[in-house]
Amino acid sequence: MLNRDLHIRYFKRCLEMLPAAMQSLDATRMMLVQLSLVGLAALGAIDEALTSNDRHGIIEWIYAQQVPANADNSNAKYRGFRGSSMFGPHDQIEYMPANCGNLAATYSALSALVLLGDSLERVDKKAIIGVMRELQQESGCFSPHPHTTERDPRFIYCACAVSEILGDWSGVDKQAAVAYIQSCMCYDGGLTQVPFQESHGGHVYCCVASLALMGRLDAIPTDRVLRWALYRQNDGYNGRVNKDPDACYAFWVGAAVEMLGGHELIDSDGTFGFLMTCQSKFGGVGKTPGDYPDPLHSALGLVGYSFCRPEQLQVMSPALLLPLPLMEARGIGASL
């Protein structure tokens, strides 16, 4: 049985004070805030769990991570939102490459602001769109920030999600992004991090969701990808061939199945049963039965649960991790 009250208390605790076990993730605190809010949203409990003062405090913290322009705008390519305040106040970031805006953190920040009901009027949309143009590579893929050679479908997804939330796609060369995703198709029907690697459930999600947001699911053989995703079911979902199930893949792979039209083919009882064994007595969901809970597996596990038991939780968008009624009210994802 889903212990709703216990999970609400867990996510509320994560927003107030993260446990010591999360200390190594402090650089990605923006993502942890987003995931805690996603978990509350899936439970239909944001209004129930957070006071107006709570919301205000979180919103102000998020905006404090937005990189401001310097006097001559020479930091234009470092704009957006950073992932944490661990490096100090935002007015000290001009000469700190490790502390610049990050595409993944920008996505998490915008998602969290939408979940909190913020109008986004203080978001420097022009700066973010300009940064995305700089971060897209010749291959069509994206990097998270200018100081890395890291580039893969995770950041294509972040760019697409940011574009959809802001209602401005001028920062994304869709044709190039689609071509890169096509190059990640694997012989077994899955999708990979970079061409010619192993299919992976997380990258299948990022590729499928990106294409769904761009209106280009026709660019890949969806029947083959759906078959690969359905074969990841093993009570719960695993992320790769011959791996054990993991609570987070109830979302990564389960959401891909939803977007590919395979809802009627899922083993909802098996996934439901597995996720119930991953619930912690402290609230939250662990990676596997008996594991310590964390915001990622807790939030994504609950959204995956909602695909199996939609009558028990808020209906969430598989492409954007936002409640569908909220998206409709905000005019987000109208083409999905």
C-alpha atoms as a PDB file:
ATOM      1  CA  MET A   1       0.000   0.000   0.000  1.00  0.00           C
ATOM      2  CA  LEU A   2       1.273   3.478  -0.844  1.00  0.00           C
ATOM      3  CA  ASN A   3       1.980   5.387   2.378  1.00  0.00           C
ATOM      4  CA  ARG A   4       1.099   8.869   1.120  1.00  0.00           C
ATOM      5  CA  ASP A   5       1.531  10.779   4.390  1.00  0.00           C
ATOM      6  CA  LEU A   6       4.949   9.261   5.021  1.00  0.00           C
ATOM      7  CA  HIS A   7       6.144  10.210   1.528  1.00  0.00           C
ATOM      8  CA  ILE A   8       4.862  13.776   1.924  1.00  0.00           C
ATOM      9  CA  ARG A   9       6.834  14.135   5.155  1.00  0.00           C
ATOM     10  CA  TYR A  10       9.918  12.706   3.437  1.00  0.00           C
ATOM     11  CA  PHE A  11       9.882  15.226   0.578  1.00  0.00           C
ATOM     12  CA  LYS A  12       9.140  18.075   2.977  1.00  0.00           C
ATOM     13  CA  ARG A  13      12.175  17.076   5.055  1.00  0.00           C
ATOM     14  CA  CYS A  14      14.332  17.023   1.931  1.00  0.00           C
ATOM     15  CA  LEU A  15      13.283  20.592   1.138  1.00  0.00           C
ATOM     16  CA  GLU A  16      14.058  21.726   4.685  1.00  0.00           C
ATOM     17  CA  MET A  17      17.284  19.878   5.444  1.00  0.00           C
ATOM     18  CA  LEU A  18      18.914  17.154   3.378  1.00  0.00           C
ATOM     19  CA  PRO A  19      20.281  14.149   5.282  1.00  0.00           C
ATOM     20  CA  ALA A  20      24.055  13.787   5.664  1.00  0.00           C
ATOM     21  CA  ALA A  21      24.047  10.994   3.087  1.00  0.00           C
ATOM     22  CA  MET A  22      23.171  13.600   0.441  1.00  0.00           C
ATOM     23  CA  GLN A  23      26.207  15.792   1.221  1.00  0.00           C
ATOM     24  CA  SER A  24      28.174  14.600  -1.809  1.00  0.00           C
ATOM     25  CA  LEU A  25      25.305  15.790  -4.040  1.00  0.00           C
ATOM     26  CA  ASP A  26      25.381  19.376  -2.792  1.00  0.00           C
ATOM     27  CA  ALA A  27      26.605  20.679  -6.165  1.00  0.00           C
ATOM     28  CA  THR A  28      23.332  19.421  -7.685  1.00  0.00           C
ATOM     29  CA  ARG A  29      21.016  20.794  -5.008  1.00  0.00           C
ATOM     30  CA  MET A  30      18.821  22.443  -7.665  1.00  0.00           C
ATOM     31  CA  MET A  31      17.992  19.002  -9.039  1.00  0.00           C
ATOM     32  CA  LEU A  32      17.207  17.711  -5.544  1.00  0.00           C
ATOM     33  CA  VAL A  33      14.821  20.622  -4.994  1.00  0.00           C
ATOM     34  CA  GLN A  34      13.116  19.909  -8.319  1.00  0.00           C
ATOM     35  CA  LEU A  35      12.786  16.199  -7.567  1.00  0.00           C
ATOM     36  CA  SER A  36      11.366  16.834  -4.095  1.00  0.00           C
ATOM     37  CA  LEU A  37       8.746  19.115  -5.651  1.00  0.00           C
ATOM     38  CA  VAL A  38       8.023  16.554  -8.380  1.00  0.00           C
ATOM     39  CA  GLY A  39       7.417  13.965  -5.662  1.00  0.00           C
ATOM     40  CA  LEU A  40       4.999  16.267  -3.847  1.00  0.00           C
ATOM     41  CA  ALA A  41       3.290  17.106  -7.150  1.00  0.00           C
ATOM     42  CA  ALA A  42       2.825  13.420  -7.973  1.00  0.00           C
ATOM     43  CA  LEU A  43       1.172  13.023  -4.572  1.00  0.00           C
ATOM     44  CA  GLY A  44      -0.983  16.100  -5.237  1.00  0.00           C
ATOM     45  CA  ALA A  45       0.482  17.603  -2.082  1.00  0.00           C
ATOM     46  CA  ILE A  46       2.420  20.792  -2.891  1.00  0.00           C
ATOM     47  CA  ASP A  47      -0.315  23.021  -1.444  1.00  0.00           C
ATOM     48  CA  GLU A  48      -0.749  20.665   1.489  1.00  0.00           C
ATOM     49  CA  ALA A  49       2.946  20.415   2.355  1.00  0.00           C
ATOM     50  CA  LEU A  50       4.224  23.945   1.699  1.00  0.00           C
ATOM     51  CA  THR A  51       3.067  27.207   3.228  1.00  0.00           C
ATOM     52  CA  SER A  52       3.214  30.446   1.252  1.00  0.00           C
ATOM     53  CA  ASN A  53       6.367  31.324   3.205  1.00  0.00           C
ATOM     54  CA  ASP A  54       7.894  27.965   2.274  1.00  0.00           C
ATOM     55  CA  ARG A  55       7.188  28.601  -1.403  1.00  0.00           C
ATOM     56  CA  HIS A  56       8.556  32.124  -1.226  1.00  0.00           C
ATOM     57  CA  GLY A  57      11.769  30.954   0.417  1.00  0.00           C
ATOM     58  CA  ILE A  58      12.402  28.255  -2.182  1.00  0.00           C
ATOM     59  CA  ILE A  59      11.591  30.598  -5.073  1.00  0.00           C
ATOM     60  CA  GLU A  60      13.997  33.240  -3.752  1.00  0.00           C
ATOM     61  CA  TRP A  61      16.746  30.644  -3.312  1.00  0.00           C
ATOM     62  CA  ILE A  62      16.251  29.475  -6.899  1.00  0.00           C
ATOM     63  CA  TYR A  63      16.449  33.001  -8.280  1.00  0.00           C
ATOM     64  CA  ALA A  64      19.600  33.610  -6.225  1.00  0.00           C
ATOM     65  CA  GLN A  65      21.254  30.937  -8.390  1.00  0.00           C
ATOM     66  CA  GLN A  66      20.486  32.782 -11.643  1.00  0.00           C
ATOM     67  CA  VAL A  67      23.767  34.122 -13.039  1.00  0.00           C
ATOM     68  CA  PRO A  68      23.482  37.895 -13.523  1.00  0.00           C
ATOM     69  CA  ALA A  69      25.101  39.769 -16.392  1.00  0.00           C
ATOM     70  CA  ASN A  70      28.334  41.563 -15.558  1.00  0.00           C
ATOM     71  CA  ALA A  71      29.018  45.171 -16.563  1.00  0.00           C
ATOM     72  CA  ASP A  72      30.173  44.452 -20.128  1.00  0.00           C
ATOM     73  CA  ASN A  73      28.141  41.228 -20.590  1.00  0.00           C
ATOM     74  CA  SER A  74      31.374  39.294 -21.149  1.00  0.00           C
ATOM     75  CA  ASN A  75      29.925  36.411 -19.135  1.00  0.00           C
ATOM     76  CA  ALA A  76      27.041  35.919 -21.588  1.00  0.00           C
ATOM     77  CA  LYS A  77      27.929  32.286 -22.285  1.00  0.00           C
ATOM     78  CA  TYR A  78      27.913  31.490 -18.554  1.00  0.00           C
ATOM     79  CA  ARG A  79      24.356  32.626 -17.871  1.00  0.00           C
ATOM     80  CA  GLY A  80      21.358  30.572 -16.785  1.00  0.00           C
ATOM     81  CA  PHE A  81      21.074  28.926 -13.369  1.00  0.00           C
ATOM     82  CA  ARG A  82      23.812  27.225 -11.399  1.00  0.00           C
ATOM     83  CA  GLY A  83      23.212  23.999  -9.520  1.00  0.00           C
ATOM     84  CA  SER A  84      23.906  25.124  -5.976  1.00  0.00           C
ATOM     85  CA  SER A  85      25.036  27.929  -3.711  1.00  0.00           C
ATOM     86  CA  MET A  86      27.940  25.813  -2.427  1.00  0.00           C
ATOM     87  CA  PHE A  87      30.542  28.070  -4.101  1.00  0.00           C
ATOM     88  CA  GLY A  88      29.214  31.204  -2.439  1.00  0.00           C
ATOM     89  CA  PRO A  89      26.919  34.117  -3.310  1.00  0.00           C
ATOM     90  CA  HIS A  90      25.872  34.550  -6.918  1.00  0.00           C
ATOM     91  CA  ASP A  91      27.719  37.864  -7.244  1.00  0.00           C
ATOM     92  CA  GLN A  92      31.045  36.023  -6.875  1.00  0.00           C
ATOM     93  CA  ILE A  93      30.728  33.694  -9.850  1.00  0.00           C
ATOM     94  CA  GLU A  94      32.162  35.800 -12.681  1.00  0.00           C
ATOM     95  CA  TYR A  95      35.645  34.286 -12.518  1.00  0.00           C
ATOM     96  CA  MET A  96      34.729  30.804 -11.322  1.00  0.00           C
ATOM     97  CA  PRO A  97      34.314  28.424 -14.280  1.00  0.00           C
ATOM     98  CA  ALA A  98      33.034  25.607 -12.058  1.00  0.00           C
ATOM     99  CA  ASN A  99      30.300  27.883 -10.768  1.00  0.00           C
ATOM    100  CA  CYS A 100      28.672  29.073 -13.990  1.00  0.00           C
ATOM    101  CA  GLY A 101      25.210  28.453 -15.344  1.00  0.00           C
ATOM    102  CA  ASN A 102      24.473  24.847 -16.231  1.00  0.00           C
ATOM    103  CA  LEU A 103      21.881  23.598 -18.719  1.00  0.00           C
ATOM    104  CA  ALA A 104      20.705  20.787 -16.442  1.00  0.00           C
ATOM    105  CA  ALA A 105      20.412  23.135 -13.462  1.00  0.00           C
ATOM    106  CA  THR A 106      18.563  25.661 -15.621  1.00  0.00           C
ATOM    107  CA  TYR A 107      16.013  22.985 -16.546  1.00  0.00           C
ATOM    108  CA  SER A 108      15.624  21.959 -12.891  1.00  0.00           C
ATOM    109  CA  ALA A 109      15.229  25.589 -11.810  1.00  0.00           C
ATOM    110  CA  LEU A 110      12.531  26.363 -14.376  1.00  0.00           C
ATOM    111  CA  SER A 111      10.659  23.145 -13.610  1.00  0.00           C
ATOM    112  CA  ALA A 112      10.758  23.891  -9.879  1.00  0.00           C
ATOM    113  CA  LEU A 113       9.565  27.465 -10.411  1.00  0.00           C
ATOM    114  CA  VAL A 114       6.613  26.245 -12.479  1.00  0.00           C
ATOM    115  CA  LEU A 115       5.720  23.679  -9.802  1.00  0.00           C
ATOM    116  CA  LEU A 116       5.793  26.447  -7.190  1.00  0.00           C
ATOM    117  CA  GLY A 117       3.448  28.631  -9.243  1.00  0.00           C
ATOM    118  CA  ASP A 118       6.018  31.303 -10.127  1.00  0.00           C
ATOM    119  CA  SER A 119       5.270  33.494 -13.158  1.00  0.00           C
ATOM    120  CA  LEU A 120       8.861  33.238 -14.511  1.00  0.00           C
ATOM    121  CA  GLU A 121       8.861  37.022 -14.986  1.00  0.00           C
ATOM    122  CA  ARG A 122      12.288  37.286 -13.353  1.00  0.00           C
ATOM    123  CA  VAL A 123      13.835  34.622 -15.591  1.00  0.00           C
ATOM    124  CA  ASP A 124      16.300  36.120 -18.086  1.00  0.00           C
ATOM    125  CA  LYS A 125      14.838  34.181 -20.998  1.00  0.00           C
ATOM    126  CA  LYS A 126      16.898  35.965 -23.647  1.00  0.00           C
ATOM    127  CA  ALA A 127      20.153  35.057 -21.878  1.00  0.00           C
ATOM    128  CA  ILE A 128      19.162  31.406 -21.494  1.00  0.00           C
ATOM    129  CA  ILE A 129      18.168  31.053 -25.145  1.00  0.00           C
ATOM    130  CA  GLY A 130      21.460  32.681 -26.165  1.00  0.00           C
ATOM    131  CA  VAL A 131      23.458  30.266 -24.009  1.00  0.00           C
ATOM    132  CA  MET A 132      21.694  27.272 -25.553  1.00  0.00           C
ATOM    133  CA  ARG A 133      22.717  28.411 -29.031  1.00  0.00           C
ATOM    134  CA  GLU A 134      26.329  28.401 -27.821  1.00  0.00           C
ATOM    135  CA  LEU A 135      26.032  24.992 -26.154  1.00  0.00           C
ATOM    136  CA  GLN A 136      24.667  23.116 -29.171  1.00  0.00           C
ATOM    137  CA  GLN A 137      27.514  21.348 -30.962  1.00  0.00           C
ATOM    138  CA  GLU A 138      28.046  20.752 -34.682  1.00  0.00           C
ATOM    139  CA  SER A 139      26.855  17.181 -34.114  1.00  0.00           C
ATOM    140  CA  GLY A 140      23.499  18.524 -32.914  1.00  0.00           C
ATOM    141  CA  CYS A 141      24.112  17.443 -29.322  1.00  0.00           C
ATOM    142  CA  PHE A 142      24.394  19.832 -26.375  1.00  0.00           C
ATOM    143  CA  SER A 143      26.963  20.374 -23.636  1.00  0.00           C
ATOM    144  CA  PRO A 144      25.784  21.389 -20.156  1.00  0.00           C
ATOM    145  CA  HIS A 145      28.165  24.361 -19.926  1.00  0.00           C
ATOM    146  CA  PRO A 146      31.137  25.806 -21.850  1.00  0.00           C
ATOM    147  CA  HIS A 147      33.878  24.207 -19.714  1.00  0.00           C
ATOM    148  CA  THR A 148      33.317  20.548 -20.579  1.00  0.00           C
ATOM    149  CA  THR A 149      33.527  18.119 -23.463  1.00  0.00           C
ATOM    150  CA  GLU A 150      30.611  16.181 -21.956  1.00  0.00           C
ATOM    151  CA  ARG A 151      27.729  15.995 -24.434  1.00  0.00           C
ATOM    152  CA  ASP A 152      24.933  13.474 -24.814  1.00  0.00           C
ATOM    153  CA  PRO A 153      21.110  13.179 -25.059  1.00  0.00           C
ATOM    154  CA  ARG A 154      20.611  14.259 -21.444  1.00  0.00           C
ATOM    155  CA  PHE A 155      21.418  17.796 -22.453  1.00  0.00           C
ATOM    156  CA  ILE A 156      19.375  17.657 -25.646  1.00  0.00           C
ATOM    157  CA  TYR A 157      16.457  16.834 -23.376  1.00  0.00           C
ATOM    158  CA  CYS A 158      17.273  19.692 -20.997  1.00  0.00           C
ATOM    159  CA  ALA A 159      17.420  22.120 -23.940  1.00  0.00           C
ATOM    160  CA  CYS A 160      14.088  20.865 -25.291  1.00  0.00           C
ATOM    161  CA  ALA A 161      12.403  21.030 -21.878  1.00  0.00           C
ATOM    162  CA  VAL A 162      13.723  24.559 -21.262  1.00  0.00           C
ATOM    163  CA  SER A 163      12.491  25.637 -24.703  1.00  0.00           C
ATOM    164  CA  GLU A 164       9.027  24.207 -24.070  1.00  0.00           C
ATOM    165  CA  ILE A 165       8.715  25.762 -20.613  1.00  0.00           C
ATOM    166  CA  LEU A 166       9.859  29.171 -21.893  1.00  0.00           C
ATOM    167  CA  GLY A 167       7.773  28.902 -25.067  1.00  0.00           C
ATOM    168  CA  ASP A 168      10.789  29.771 -27.234  1.00  0.00           C
ATOM    169  CA  TRP A 169      12.527  27.206 -29.450  1.00  0.00           C
ATOM    170  CA  SER A 170      14.887  29.642 -31.169  1.00  0.00           C
ATOM    171  CA  GLY A 171      17.839  28.329 -29.133  1.00  0.00           C
ATOM    172  CA  VAL A 172      17.591  24.803 -30.568  1.00  0.00           C
ATOM    173  CA  ASP A 173      18.479  23.642 -34.069  1.00  0.00           C
ATOM    174  CA  LYS A 174      15.846  20.916 -34.120  1.00  0.00           C
ATOM    175  CA  GLN A 175      17.041  19.297 -37.335  1.00  0.00           C
ATOM    176  CA  ALA A 176      20.565  18.875 -35.958  1.00  0.00           C
ATOM    177  CA  ALA A 177      19.289  17.582 -32.607  1.00  0.00           C
ATOM    178  CA  VAL A 178      17.075  15.016 -34.331  1.00  0.00           C
ATOM    179  CA  ALA A 179      20.002  13.872 -36.479  1.00  0.00           C
ATOM    180  CA  TYR A 180      22.144  13.301 -33.382  1.00  0.00           C
ATOM    181  CA  ILE A 181      19.399  11.275 -31.724  1.00  0.00           C
ATOM    182  CA  GLN A 182      19.063   9.164 -34.862  1.00  0.00           C
ATOM    183  CA  SER A 183      22.810   8.480 -34.720  1.00  0.00           C
ATOM    184  CA  CYS A 184      22.307   7.010 -31.227  1.00  0.00           C
ATOM    185  CA  MET A 185      19.959   4.247 -32.440  1.00  0.00           C
ATOM    186  CA  CYS A 186      21.370   0.858 -31.470  1.00  0.00           C
ATOM    187  CA  TYR A 187      21.042  -2.449 -33.322  1.00  0.00           C
ATOM    188  CA  ASP A 188      18.846  -3.848 -30.525  1.00  0.00           C
ATOM    189  CA  GLY A 189      16.232  -1.079 -30.789  1.00  0.00           C
ATOM    190  CA  GLY A 190      17.417   1.003 -27.850  1.00  0.00           C
ATOM    191  CA  LEU A 191      19.205   4.353 -27.817  1.00  0.00           C
ATOM    192  CA  THR A 192      22.654   5.157 -26.520  1.00  0.00           C
ATOM    193  CA  GLN A 193      24.623   7.927 -24.818  1.00  0.00           C
ATOM    194  CA  VAL A 194      26.853   8.364 -27.861  1.00  0.00           C
ATOM    195  CA  PRO A 195      26.803   6.461 -31.172  1.00  0.00           C
ATOM    196  CA  PHE A 196      27.863   2.794 -31.049  1.00  0.00           C
ATOM    197  CA  GLN A 197      27.541   2.334 -27.297  1.00  0.00           C
ATOM    198  CA  GLU A 198      25.155   0.182 -25.247  1.00  0.00           C
ATOM    199  CA  SER A 199      21.447   0.973 -25.123  1.00  0.00           C
ATOM    200  CA  HIS A 200      20.447   2.530 -21.814  1.00  0.00           C
ATOM    201  CA  GLY A 201      17.026   3.271 -20.340  1.00  0.00           C
ATOM    202  CA  GLY A 202      17.930   6.782 -19.228  1.00  0.00           C
ATOM    203  CA  HIS A 203      19.097   7.773 -22.690  1.00  0.00           C
ATOM    204  CA  VAL A 204      16.101   6.085 -24.296  1.00  0.00           C
ATOM    205  CA  TYR A 205      13.967   8.385 -22.168  1.00  0.00           C
ATOM    206  CA  CYS A 206      15.958  11.511 -23.023  1.00  0.00           C
ATOM    207  CA  CYS A 207      15.847  10.753 -26.750  1.00  0.00           C
ATOM    208  CA  VAL A 208      12.162   9.811 -26.854  1.00  0.00           C
ATOM    209  CA  ALA A 209      11.085  12.758 -24.682  1.00  0.00           C
ATOM    210  CA  SER A 210      13.174  15.187 -26.747  1.00  0.00           C
ATOM    211  CA  LEU A 211      11.603  13.935 -29.956  1.00  0.00           C
ATOM    212  CA  ALA A 212       8.132  14.108 -28.406  1.00  0.00           C
ATOM    213  CA  LEU A 213       8.727  17.728 -27.365  1.00  0.00           C
ATOM    214  CA  MET A 214       9.999  18.564 -30.860  1.00  0.00           C
ATOM    215  CA  GLY A 215       7.075  16.759 -32.491  1.00  0.00           C
ATOM    216  CA  ARG A 216       9.458  14.345 -34.238  1.00  0.00           C
ATOM    217  CA  LEU A 217       8.771  10.865 -32.881  1.00  0.00           C
ATOM    218  CA  ASP A 218       8.491   9.874 -36.531  1.00  0.00           C
ATOM    219  CA  ALA A 219      12.287  10.243 -36.789  1.00  0.00           C
ATOM    220  CA  ILE A 220      12.975   6.885 -35.090  1.00  0.00           C
ATOM    221  CA  PRO A 221      11.510   3.375 -35.515  1.00  0.00           C
ATOM    222  CA  THR A 222       9.152   3.663 -32.561  1.00  0.00           C
ATOM    223  CA  ASP A 223       8.028   0.035 -32.753  1.00  0.00           C
ATOM    224  CA  ARG A 224      11.608  -1.179 -32.251  1.00  0.00           C
ATOM    225  CA  VAL A 225      12.246   1.258 -29.402  1.00  0.00           C
ATOM    226  CA  LEU A 226       8.968   0.276 -27.720  1.00  0.00           C
ATOM    227  CA  ARG A 227       9.883  -3.403 -27.995  1.00  0.00           C
ATOM    228  CA  TRP A 228      13.258  -2.726 -26.347  1.00  0.00           C
ATOM    229  CA  ALA A 229      11.590  -0.750 -23.564  1.00  0.00           C
ATOM    230  CA  LEU A 230       8.939  -3.386 -22.884  1.00  0.00           C
ATOM    231  CA  TYR A 231      11.649  -6.031 -22.555  1.00  0.00           C
ATOM    232  CA  ARG A 232      13.131  -4.048 -19.658  1.00  0.00           C
ATOM    233  CA  GLN A 233      10.225  -5.256 -17.499  1.00  0.00           C
ATOM    234  CA  ASN A 234      11.269  -7.741 -14.847  1.00  0.00           C
ATOM    235  CA  ASP A 235       8.637  -7.145 -12.175  1.00  0.00           C
ATOM    236  CA  GLY A 236       9.990  -3.589 -12.092  1.00  0.00           C
ATOM    237  CA  TYR A 237      12.006  -2.054 -14.915  1.00  0.00           C
ATOM    238  CA  ASN A 238      15.744  -2.369 -15.429  1.00  0.00           C
ATOM    239  CA  GLY A 239      17.824   0.120 -17.389  1.00  0.00           C
ATOM    240  CA  ARG A 240      19.951  -2.249 -19.442  1.00  0.00           C
ATOM    241  CA  VAL A 241      19.861  -5.822 -20.686  1.00  0.00           C
ATOM    242  CA  ASN A 242      20.510  -8.429 -17.960  1.00  0.00           C
ATOM    243  CA  LYS A 243      20.338  -5.926 -15.083  1.00  0.00           C
ATOM    244  CA  ASP A 244      18.192  -6.058 -11.962  1.00  0.00           C
ATOM    245  CA  PRO A 245      15.149  -3.781 -11.670  1.00  0.00           C
ATOM    246  CA  ASP A 246      15.659  -0.312 -10.201  1.00  0.00           C
ATOM    247  CA  ALA A 247      12.904   1.998  -8.956  1.00  0.00           C
ATOM    248  CA  CYS A 248      13.936   5.007 -11.059  1.00  0.00           C
ATOM    249  CA  TYR A 249      13.484   3.094 -14.326  1.00  0.00           C
ATOM    250  CA  ALA A 250       9.780   2.847 -13.581  1.00  0.00           C
ATOM    251  CA  PHE A 251       9.938   6.431 -14.800  1.00  0.00           C
ATOM    252  CA  TRP A 252      12.816   6.493 -17.302  1.00  0.00           C
ATOM    253  CA  VAL A 253      11.629   3.441 -19.209  1.00  0.00           C
ATOM    254  CA  GLY A 254       7.987   3.552 -18.139  1.00  0.00           C
ATOM    255  CA  ALA A 255       7.622   7.131 -19.383  1.00  0.00           C
ATOM    256  CA  ALA A 256       9.199   6.182 -22.717  1.00  0.00           C
ATOM    257  CA  VAL A 257       6.642   3.384 -23.035  1.00  0.00           C
ATOM    258  CA  GLU A 258       3.847   5.875 -22.324  1.00  0.00           C
ATOM    259  CA  MET A 259       5.093   8.316 -24.975  1.00  0.00           C
ATOM    260  CA  LEU A 260       5.442   5.492 -27.493  1.00  0.00           C
ATOM    261  CA  GLY A 261       1.836   4.412 -26.964  1.00  0.00           C
ATOM    262  CA  GLY A 262       2.557   1.173 -25.115  1.00  0.00           C
ATOM    263  CA  HIS A 263       0.527   1.738 -21.943  1.00  0.00           C
ATOM    264  CA  GLU A 264      -1.735  -1.264 -22.535  1.00  0.00           C
ATOM    265  CA  LEU A 265       1.321  -3.529 -22.783  1.00  0.00           C
ATOM    266  CA  ILE A 266       2.913  -2.774 -19.408  1.00  0.00           C
ATOM    267  CA  ASP A 267       2.990  -5.212 -16.507  1.00  0.00           C
ATOM    268  CA  SER A 268       1.389  -2.744 -14.126  1.00  0.00           C
ATOM    269  CA  ASP A 269       0.969  -5.289 -11.321  1.00  0.00           C
ATOM    270  CA  GLY A 270       4.632  -6.308 -11.484  1.00  0.00           C
ATOM    271  CA  THR A 271       5.895  -2.726 -11.469  1.00  0.00           C
ATOM    272  CA  PHE A 272       3.463  -1.750  -8.707  1.00  0.00           C
ATOM    273  CA  GLY A 273       4.561  -4.692  -6.571  1.00  0.00           C
ATOM    274  CA  PHE A 274       8.258  -3.934  -7.037  1.00  0.00           C
ATOM    275  CA  LEU A 275       7.860  -0.259  -6.155  1.00  0.00           C
ATOM    276  CA  MET A 276       5.942  -1.144  -3.001  1.00  0.00           C
ATOM    277  CA  THR A 277       8.902  -3.250  -1.828  1.00  0.00           C
ATOM    278  CA  CYS A 278      11.212  -0.243  -2.388  1.00  0.00           C
ATOM    279  CA  GLN A 279       9.251   2.028  -0.031  1.00  0.00           C
ATOM    280  CA  SER A 280      11.212   3.013   3.057  1.00  0.00           C
ATOM    281  CA  LYS A 281       9.817   2.997   6.568  1.00  0.00           C
ATOM    282  CA  PHE A 282      11.200   6.553   6.801  1.00  0.00           C
ATOM    283  CA  GLY A 283       9.251   7.670   3.743  1.00  0.00           C
ATOM    284  CA  GLY A 284      10.604   7.890   0.237  1.00  0.00           C
ATOM    285  CA  VAL A 285      11.684   5.148  -2.138  1.00  0.00           C
ATOM    286  CA  GLY A 286      15.046   3.413  -2.442  1.00  0.00           C
ATOM    287  CA  LYS A 287      16.760   2.159  -5.568  1.00  0.00           C
ATOM    288  CA  THR A 288      15.995  -1.464  -4.676  1.00  0.00           C
ATOM    289  CA  PRO A 289      14.259  -3.138  -1.704  1.00  0.00           C
ATOM    290  CA  GLY A 290      16.016  -2.232   1.541  1.00  0.00           C
ATOM    291  CA  ASP A 291      18.042   0.640   0.088  1.00  0.00           C
ATOM    292  CA  TYR A 292      18.134   4.054   1.757  1.00  0.00           C
ATOM    293  CA  PRO A 293      15.693   6.449   0.045  1.00  0.00           C
ATOM    294  CA  ASP A 294      16.832   9.460  -1.965  1.00  0.00           C
ATOM    295  CA  PRO A 295      14.897  12.213  -3.782  1.00  0.00           C
ATOM    296  CA  LEU A 296      15.624  10.854  -7.268  1.00  0.00           C
ATOM    297  CA  HIS A 297      14.382   7.306  -6.743  1.00  0.00           C
ATOM    298  CA  SER A 298      11.549   8.567  -4.548  1.00  0.00           C
ATOM    299  CA  ALA A 299      10.171  11.095  -7.031  1.00  0.00           C
ATOM    300  CA  LEU A 300      10.741   9.047 -10.174  1.00  0.00           C
ATOM    301  CA  GLY A 301       9.493   5.889  -8.509  1.00  0.00           C
ATOM    302  CA  LEU A 302       6.232   7.623  -7.578  1.00  0.00           C
ATOM    303  CA  VAL A 303       5.759   9.037 -11.081  1.00  0.00           C
ATOM    304  CA  GLY A 304       6.398   5.542 -12.437  1.00  0.00           C
ATOM    305  CA  TYR A 305       3.818   4.289  -9.942  1.00  0.00           C
ATOM    306  CA  SER A 306       1.333   6.811 -11.373  1.00  0.00           C
ATOM    307  CA  PHE A 307       1.606   5.157 -14.788  1.00  0.00           C
ATOM    308  CA  CYS A 308       0.523   1.868 -13.175  1.00  0.00           C
ATOM    309  CA  ARG A 309      -2.119   3.275 -10.820  1.00  0.00           C
ATOM    310  CA  PRO A 310      -3.169   6.632 -12.344  1.00  0.00           C
ATOM    311  CA  GLU A 311      -6.278   6.794 -10.167  1.00  0.00           C
ATOM    312  CA  GLN A 312      -4.159   7.010  -6.996  1.00  0.00           C
ATOM    313  CA  LEU A 313      -1.765   9.834  -7.918  1.00  0.00           C
ATOM    314  CA  GLN A 314      -1.655  13.075  -9.886  1.00  0.00           C
ATOM    315  CA  VAL A 315      -1.491  12.561 -13.650  1.00  0.00           C
ATOM    316  CA  MET A 316       2.026  13.617 -14.692  1.00  0.00           C
ATOM    317  CA  SER A 317       3.401  14.384 -18.143  1.00  0.00           C
ATOM    318  CA  PRO A 318       5.869  11.661 -19.167  1.00  0.00           C
ATOM    319  CA  ALA A 319       7.720  14.196 -21.332  1.00  0.00           C
ATOM    320  CA  LEU A 320       8.064  17.061 -18.836  1.00  0.00           C
ATOM    321  CA  LEU A 321       7.600  15.641 -15.309  1.00  0.00           C
ATOM    322  CA  LEU A 322       4.916  18.229 -14.592  1.00  0.00           C
ATOM    323  CA  PRO A 323       1.265  17.662 -13.622  1.00  0.00           C
ATOM    324  CA  LEU A 324      -0.906  17.724 -16.737  1.00  0.00           C
ATOM    325  CA  PRO A 325      -3.504  20.106 -15.218  1.00  0.00           C
ATOM    326  CA  LEU A 326      -0.718  22.564 -14.348  1.00  0.00           C
ATOM    327  CA  MET A 327       0.717  22.367 -17.860  1.00  0.00           C
ATOM    328  CA  GLU A 328      -2.701  23.020 -19.350  1.00  0.00           C
ATOM    329  CA  ALA A 329      -3.233  26.021 -17.069  1.00  0.00           C
ATOM    330  CA  ARG A 330       0.193  27.440 -17.968  1.00  0.00           C
ATOM    331  CA  GLY A 331      -0.050  26.707 -21.698  1.00  0.00           C
ATOM    332  CA  ILE A 332       2.970  24.383 -21.583  1.00  0.00           C
ATOM    333  CA  GLY A 333       3.224  21.349 -23.860  1.00  0.00           C
ATOM    334  CA  ALA A 334       0.174  22.167 -25.942  1.00  0.00           C
ATOM    335  CA  SER A 335       1.518  20.079 -28.828  1.00  0.00           C
ATOM    336  CA  LEU A 336       2.139  16.941 -26.743  1.00  0.00           C
END
